[in-house]
Amino acid sequence: MPGDVLVTADWVEDHLDDFQSDDSDLRLVEINNPTVTDESEYTPYEEGHIPGALNFEWDAVFTDETERDIVSKEDFAARNGEGGIDADTTVVVYGGGRVPNWFALFGYWIYKYYGHGDVRVIDGGKGYWVENDYPLSTEEPDFTPRDYVARGPFESVRAYKDDIDKAIEEGIPMVDVRSPEEFSGEVIAPEGLNETAQRGGHIPGASNVPIGTTLNEDGTFKSADELRELYSDAGVDGDESTITYCRVGERSSIEWFLLHELLGYDDVRNYDGSWTEWGNLVGAPIETGE
């Protein structure tokens, strides 16, 4: 696996002084969505975070809830600049929740959509950090603002409804990363989450590779060889275009990261409209069952 996009907790601990320094070229960003994440499953930012980490909440920083879209380039640049980040900063994201780095990798995907050069993620996320007794802080950093210039957007990492229509027609591989119960249509969304759809099921032709199958017991990612075999069994080998999707694009950004960033498959796009768009469309084809 390319070592520059996935970092260990030990590596982060070794660089804590840099992450807390105002003039450093390293920044830590904790990304969670407290409105849907059960606090019994993670430590809220205010109760403890990695020293030096900024608090970038998913819904406030990376989405536009009014438009039901991702954050605008201008707002994204402004929030990063306020946090002491510029385009040359190495940004290391992490998060918690019922899935390690659940919303953090959506943030990673947005950074890449807007052309940020050096973004990394902590393997195992906040859960691994806390479970293994790495240091925590309750102090929120106050870095000197910087001028952040966003680039793009780079549409090659994003899929839209028209791309799904084409994928169905041409047999382009699609990976549904939701639970088997969501994929089959037994349930529409995980318990406690508000964004749902009128219908349950999956997009015709999609393969189901639930997030949990990509993880080790400690929440770290499986090896590259294990991941290649997992996706190969689902008909994805990197030789053609692939689209990932879930409910609102957050879980599918994890498997976009695995396919595109870790395994190096060239043409992988995340459909952030996902099931809350497709499952609500009048006349859009769906399938139910396995």
Protein backbone atom coordinates (compact mmCIF):
# COMPACT_ATOMS: atom_id res chain seq x y z
CA MET A 1 0.00 0.00 0.00
CA PRO A 2 1.23 3.53 -0.67
CA GLY A 3 2.49 4.73 2.69
CA ASP A 4 1.86 8.40 2.08
CA VAL A 5 -1.95 8.33 2.36
CA LEU A 6 -2.37 6.01 5.35
CA VAL A 7 -0.49 6.78 8.55
CA THR A 8 -0.27 4.86 11.82
CA ALA A 9 -1.15 6.08 15.28
CA ASP A 10 2.52 5.72 16.20
CA TRP A 11 3.52 8.05 13.36
CA VAL A 12 1.03 10.66 14.55
CA GLU A 13 2.24 10.38 18.15
CA ASP A 14 5.81 10.90 16.97
CA HIS A 15 4.73 14.16 15.28
CA LEU A 16 2.46 15.60 17.99
CA ASP A 17 4.76 18.57 18.61
CA ASP A 18 4.51 19.50 14.93
CA PHE A 19 0.73 19.13 14.90
CA GLN A 20 0.47 21.58 17.81
CA SER A 21 2.88 24.16 16.38
CA ASP A 22 1.41 27.31 14.83
CA ASP A 23 4.00 27.51 12.04
CA SER A 24 3.96 23.79 11.19
CA ASP A 25 3.18 22.38 7.77
CA LEU A 26 1.22 19.56 9.46
CA ARG A 27 -2.41 19.81 10.61
CA LEU A 28 -4.70 17.26 12.25
CA VAL A 29 -8.42 17.42 11.47
CA GLU A 30 -11.04 15.46 13.42
CA ILE A 31 -14.18 14.89 11.36
CA ASN A 32 -17.36 13.51 12.89
CA ASN A 33 -21.09 14.09 12.58
CA PRO A 34 -22.35 14.34 16.16
CA THR A 35 -25.97 14.58 15.05
CA VAL A 36 -25.98 10.96 13.87
CA THR A 37 -23.04 9.37 15.65
CA ASP A 38 -23.84 7.55 18.90
CA GLU A 39 -21.57 8.96 21.62
CA SER A 40 -21.37 5.49 23.15
CA GLU A 41 -19.34 4.51 20.09
CA TYR A 42 -16.80 7.35 20.12
CA THR A 43 -15.35 10.11 22.29
CA PRO A 44 -16.80 13.52 21.33
CA TYR A 45 -14.25 16.15 20.35
CA GLU A 46 -15.00 18.28 23.41
CA GLU A 47 -14.32 15.37 25.76
CA GLY A 48 -11.02 14.42 24.18
CA HIS A 49 -9.22 14.62 20.85
CA ILE A 50 -5.72 14.12 19.53
CA PRO A 51 -3.62 17.08 20.73
CA GLY A 52 -3.56 19.81 18.10
CA ALA A 53 -6.56 18.51 16.16
CA LEU A 54 -9.06 20.93 14.65
CA ASN A 55 -12.77 20.17 14.93
CA PHE A 56 -14.28 20.09 11.42
CA GLU A 57 -17.81 18.71 11.80
CA TRP A 58 -19.03 16.90 8.69
CA ASP A 59 -22.33 18.70 8.24
CA ALA A 60 -20.96 22.18 9.01
CA VAL A 61 -17.70 22.09 7.04
CA PHE A 62 -18.03 19.60 4.20
CA THR A 63 -21.68 19.83 3.13
CA ASP A 64 -24.28 22.40 2.11
CA GLU A 65 -27.45 21.18 3.79
CA THR A 66 -29.62 23.79 2.06
CA GLU A 67 -28.60 22.62 -1.40
CA ARG A 68 -28.14 18.94 -0.36
CA ASP A 69 -24.71 19.17 -1.92
CA ILE A 70 -21.07 19.26 -0.97
CA VAL A 71 -19.57 22.47 0.40
CA SER A 72 -18.78 25.23 -2.09
CA LYS A 73 -15.18 25.88 -3.05
CA GLU A 74 -15.31 29.32 -1.43
CA ASP A 75 -16.64 28.09 1.92
CA PHE A 76 -14.22 25.16 1.93
CA ALA A 77 -11.27 27.49 1.37
CA ALA A 78 -12.45 29.90 4.05
CA ARG A 79 -12.86 27.23 6.74
CA ASN A 80 -9.45 25.73 6.05
CA GLY A 81 -7.79 29.11 6.08
CA GLU A 82 -9.40 29.89 9.44
CA GLY A 83 -7.86 26.68 10.79
CA GLY A 84 -4.34 27.64 9.82
CA ILE A 85 -4.28 25.44 6.71
CA ASP A 86 -3.02 26.43 3.28
CA ALA A 87 -2.66 24.49 0.05
CA ASP A 88 0.84 23.30 1.00
CA THR A 89 -0.20 21.90 4.39
CA THR A 90 -0.14 18.15 5.01
CA VAL A 91 -3.65 17.46 6.34
CA VAL A 92 -4.18 14.29 8.39
CA VAL A 93 -7.84 13.41 8.97
CA TYR A 94 -9.42 10.96 11.38
CA GLY A 95 -12.78 10.26 12.99
CA GLY A 96 -14.84 7.86 15.03
CA GLY A 97 -18.30 6.37 14.97
CA ARG A 98 -19.77 2.94 14.37
CA VAL A 99 -17.41 2.67 11.38
CA PRO A 100 -13.79 3.87 11.89
CA ASN A 101 -13.15 7.14 10.00
CA TRP A 102 -16.79 7.09 8.91
CA PHE A 103 -17.11 10.79 8.09
CA ALA A 104 -13.38 11.52 8.03
CA LEU A 105 -12.91 9.89 4.65
CA PHE A 106 -15.76 11.91 3.19
CA GLY A 107 -13.68 14.91 4.26
CA TYR A 108 -10.63 13.34 2.62
CA TRP A 109 -12.62 12.91 -0.59
CA ILE A 110 -13.68 16.58 -0.51
CA TYR A 111 -10.06 17.65 -0.05
CA LYS A 112 -9.21 15.71 -3.21
CA TYR A 113 -12.26 17.07 -5.06
CA TYR A 114 -10.88 20.55 -4.42
CA GLY A 115 -7.34 19.59 -5.36
CA HIS A 116 -5.51 19.49 -2.03
CA GLY A 117 -2.14 17.86 -2.62
CA ASP A 118 -1.19 16.05 0.59
CA VAL A 119 -4.01 14.45 2.58
CA ARG A 120 -3.64 11.41 4.81
CA VAL A 121 -5.79 9.38 7.19
CA ILE A 122 -5.00 7.68 10.49
CA ASP A 123 -5.45 3.92 10.13
CA GLY A 124 -8.09 2.78 12.62
CA GLY A 125 -9.33 6.30 13.29
CA LYS A 126 -10.20 7.72 16.68
CA GLY A 127 -11.41 4.41 18.04
CA TYR A 128 -7.98 2.82 17.61
CA TRP A 129 -6.31 5.88 19.15
CA VAL A 130 -8.53 5.82 22.24
CA GLU A 131 -8.56 2.04 22.68
CA ASN A 132 -4.77 1.92 22.66
CA ASP A 133 -4.36 4.73 25.21
CA TYR A 134 -2.69 7.33 23.03
CA PRO A 135 -2.80 10.86 24.51
CA LEU A 136 -5.93 13.01 24.36
CA SER A 137 -6.51 16.71 24.94
CA THR A 138 -9.55 18.89 25.63
CA GLU A 139 -7.79 22.06 24.49
CA GLU A 140 -8.97 23.43 21.15
CA PRO A 141 -6.09 24.83 19.08
CA ASP A 142 -6.09 28.43 17.87
CA PHE A 143 -3.80 28.67 14.86
CA THR A 144 -2.96 31.83 12.93
CA PRO A 145 -5.21 31.99 9.83
CA ARG A 146 -3.66 31.37 6.43
CA ASP A 147 -4.68 32.04 2.85
CA TYR A 148 -6.12 28.81 1.47
CA VAL A 149 -6.59 28.57 -2.29
CA ALA A 150 -8.79 25.66 -3.38
CA ARG A 151 -8.41 24.22 -6.87
CA GLY A 152 -10.74 22.35 -9.18
CA PRO A 153 -13.27 20.98 -8.65
CA PHE A 154 -11.85 17.74 -10.00
CA GLU A 155 -14.94 15.96 -11.29
CA SER A 156 -13.02 12.77 -12.08
CA VAL A 157 -13.57 11.60 -8.48
CA ARG A 158 -17.32 12.29 -8.41
CA ALA A 159 -20.27 10.49 -10.02
CA TYR A 160 -23.73 11.88 -10.77
CA LYS A 161 -27.11 10.42 -11.69
CA ASP A 162 -26.26 10.44 -15.41
CA ASP A 163 -23.18 8.36 -14.65
CA ILE A 164 -25.38 5.81 -12.87
CA ASP A 165 -27.72 5.64 -15.87
CA LYS A 166 -24.69 4.95 -18.06
CA ALA A 167 -23.29 2.38 -15.63
CA ILE A 168 -26.55 0.43 -15.68
CA GLU A 169 -26.72 0.54 -19.48
CA GLU A 170 -23.07 -0.39 -20.08
CA GLY A 171 -22.46 -2.74 -17.16
CA ILE A 172 -19.88 -0.50 -15.47
CA PRO A 173 -18.99 -1.95 -12.03
CA MET A 174 -20.73 -0.34 -9.06
CA VAL A 175 -19.92 -1.09 -5.44
CA ASP A 176 -22.71 -0.68 -2.88
CA VAL A 177 -20.92 -0.42 0.47
CA ARG A 178 -24.03 -0.50 2.69
CA SER A 179 -25.05 -3.34 4.96
CA PRO A 180 -26.59 -6.48 3.43
CA GLU A 181 -29.92 -5.45 4.99
CA GLU A 182 -29.84 -2.10 3.20
CA PHE A 183 -28.66 -3.68 -0.05
CA SER A 184 -31.51 -6.20 -0.05
CA GLY A 185 -34.12 -3.58 0.81
CA GLU A 186 -34.94 -5.07 4.20
CA VAL A 187 -34.12 -1.68 5.76
CA ILE A 188 -33.67 1.70 4.10
CA ALA A 189 -31.07 3.23 6.42
CA PRO A 190 -29.12 2.34 9.55
CA GLU A 191 -31.00 2.89 12.77
CA GLY A 192 -30.96 6.47 14.00
CA LEU A 193 -30.09 8.14 10.71
CA ASN A 194 -32.53 10.65 9.29
CA GLU A 195 -31.64 10.72 5.60
CA THR A 196 -33.68 7.95 4.00
CA ALA A 197 -35.56 7.17 0.79
CA GLN A 198 -39.01 6.18 -0.41
CA ARG A 199 -37.82 2.73 -1.46
CA GLY A 200 -35.33 0.14 -0.31
CA GLY A 201 -33.02 -1.97 -2.42
CA HIS A 202 -30.00 -1.32 -4.62
CA ILE A 203 -29.03 -0.03 -8.04
CA PRO A 204 -29.29 -2.77 -10.70
CA GLY A 205 -25.94 -4.41 -11.37
CA ALA A 206 -24.28 -3.24 -8.16
CA SER A 207 -22.19 -5.58 -6.01
CA ASN A 208 -22.40 -5.45 -2.22
CA VAL A 209 -19.09 -4.97 -0.39
CA PRO A 210 -20.06 -3.83 3.13
CA ILE A 211 -17.58 -1.57 4.91
CA GLY A 212 -17.07 -4.10 7.68
CA THR A 213 -15.56 -6.61 5.27
CA THR A 214 -12.66 -4.22 4.56
CA LEU A 215 -11.60 -3.91 8.21
CA ASN A 216 -9.57 -5.89 10.71
CA GLU A 217 -10.99 -6.48 14.18
CA ASP A 218 -9.11 -3.47 15.56
CA GLY A 219 -10.64 -1.14 12.96
CA THR A 220 -7.55 -0.85 10.77
CA PHE A 221 -7.80 -1.66 7.08
CA LYS A 222 -7.02 -5.11 5.74
CA SER A 223 -3.87 -5.61 3.69
CA ALA A 224 -3.68 -4.62 0.04
CA ASP A 225 -3.69 -8.27 -1.05
CA GLU A 226 -6.79 -8.99 1.03
CA LEU A 227 -8.55 -5.94 -0.36
CA ARG A 228 -7.69 -6.79 -3.96
CA GLU A 229 -9.11 -10.27 -3.49
CA LEU A 230 -12.24 -8.89 -1.82
CA TYR A 231 -12.94 -6.50 -4.69
CA SER A 232 -11.96 -9.01 -7.35
CA ASP A 233 -14.61 -11.35 -5.98
CA ALA A 234 -17.07 -8.47 -6.47
CA GLY A 235 -16.00 -7.98 -10.08
CA VAL A 236 -13.74 -4.99 -9.50
CA ASP A 237 -10.09 -5.27 -10.55
CA GLY A 238 -9.15 -1.73 -11.56
CA ASP A 239 -9.20 -2.42 -15.29
CA GLU A 240 -12.33 -0.32 -15.90
CA SER A 241 -14.35 2.49 -14.38
CA THR A 242 -15.88 1.85 -10.96
CA ILE A 243 -18.49 3.77 -8.97
CA THR A 244 -19.01 3.52 -5.21
CA TYR A 245 -22.21 4.51 -3.41
CA CYS A 246 -24.01 4.17 -0.09
CA ARG A 247 -26.75 6.27 1.55
CA VAL A 248 -25.40 9.85 1.38
CA GLY A 249 -21.88 9.27 0.08
CA GLU A 250 -20.03 9.11 3.38
CA ARG A 251 -19.47 5.35 3.71
CA SER A 252 -18.81 5.03 -0.01
CA SER A 253 -16.03 7.60 0.29
CA ILE A 254 -14.21 5.02 2.44
CA GLU A 255 -14.24 2.43 -0.32
CA TRP A 256 -13.45 5.11 -2.91
CA PHE A 257 -10.36 5.77 -0.78
CA LEU A 258 -9.47 2.08 -0.65
CA LEU A 259 -9.86 1.56 -4.39
CA HIS A 260 -8.44 4.82 -5.70
CA GLU A 261 -5.94 5.93 -3.09
CA LEU A 262 -4.69 2.69 -1.52
CA LEU A 263 -4.96 0.18 -4.35
CA GLY A 264 -4.25 2.76 -7.02
CA TYR A 265 -7.17 1.97 -9.34
CA ASP A 266 -7.31 4.91 -11.74
CA ASP A 267 -10.95 5.56 -12.59
CA VAL A 268 -12.99 5.36 -9.38
CA ARG A 269 -15.77 7.82 -8.57
CA ASN A 270 -17.91 8.35 -5.50
CA TYR A 271 -21.65 8.85 -6.11
CA ASP A 272 -22.47 11.17 -3.21
CA GLY A 273 -26.12 11.43 -4.22
CA SER A 274 -26.23 7.72 -3.37
CA TRP A 275 -29.40 6.04 -2.14
CA THR A 276 -31.06 9.19 -0.80
CA GLU A 277 -31.11 10.44 -4.39
CA TRP A 278 -31.60 7.21 -6.34
CA GLY A 279 -34.12 5.66 -3.96
CA ASN A 280 -36.29 8.79 -4.14
CA LEU A 281 -36.28 9.23 -7.92
CA VAL A 282 -39.55 8.57 -9.71
CA GLY A 283 -39.09 5.72 -12.16
CA ALA A 284 -35.46 4.94 -11.30
CA PRO A 285 -34.88 1.17 -11.57
CA ILE A 286 -34.00 -0.73 -8.41
CA GLU A 287 -33.47 -4.33 -7.39
CA THR A 288 -34.23 -6.00 -4.08
CA GLY A 289 -32.86 -9.11 -2.45
CA GLU A 290 -29.31 -10.39 -2.61
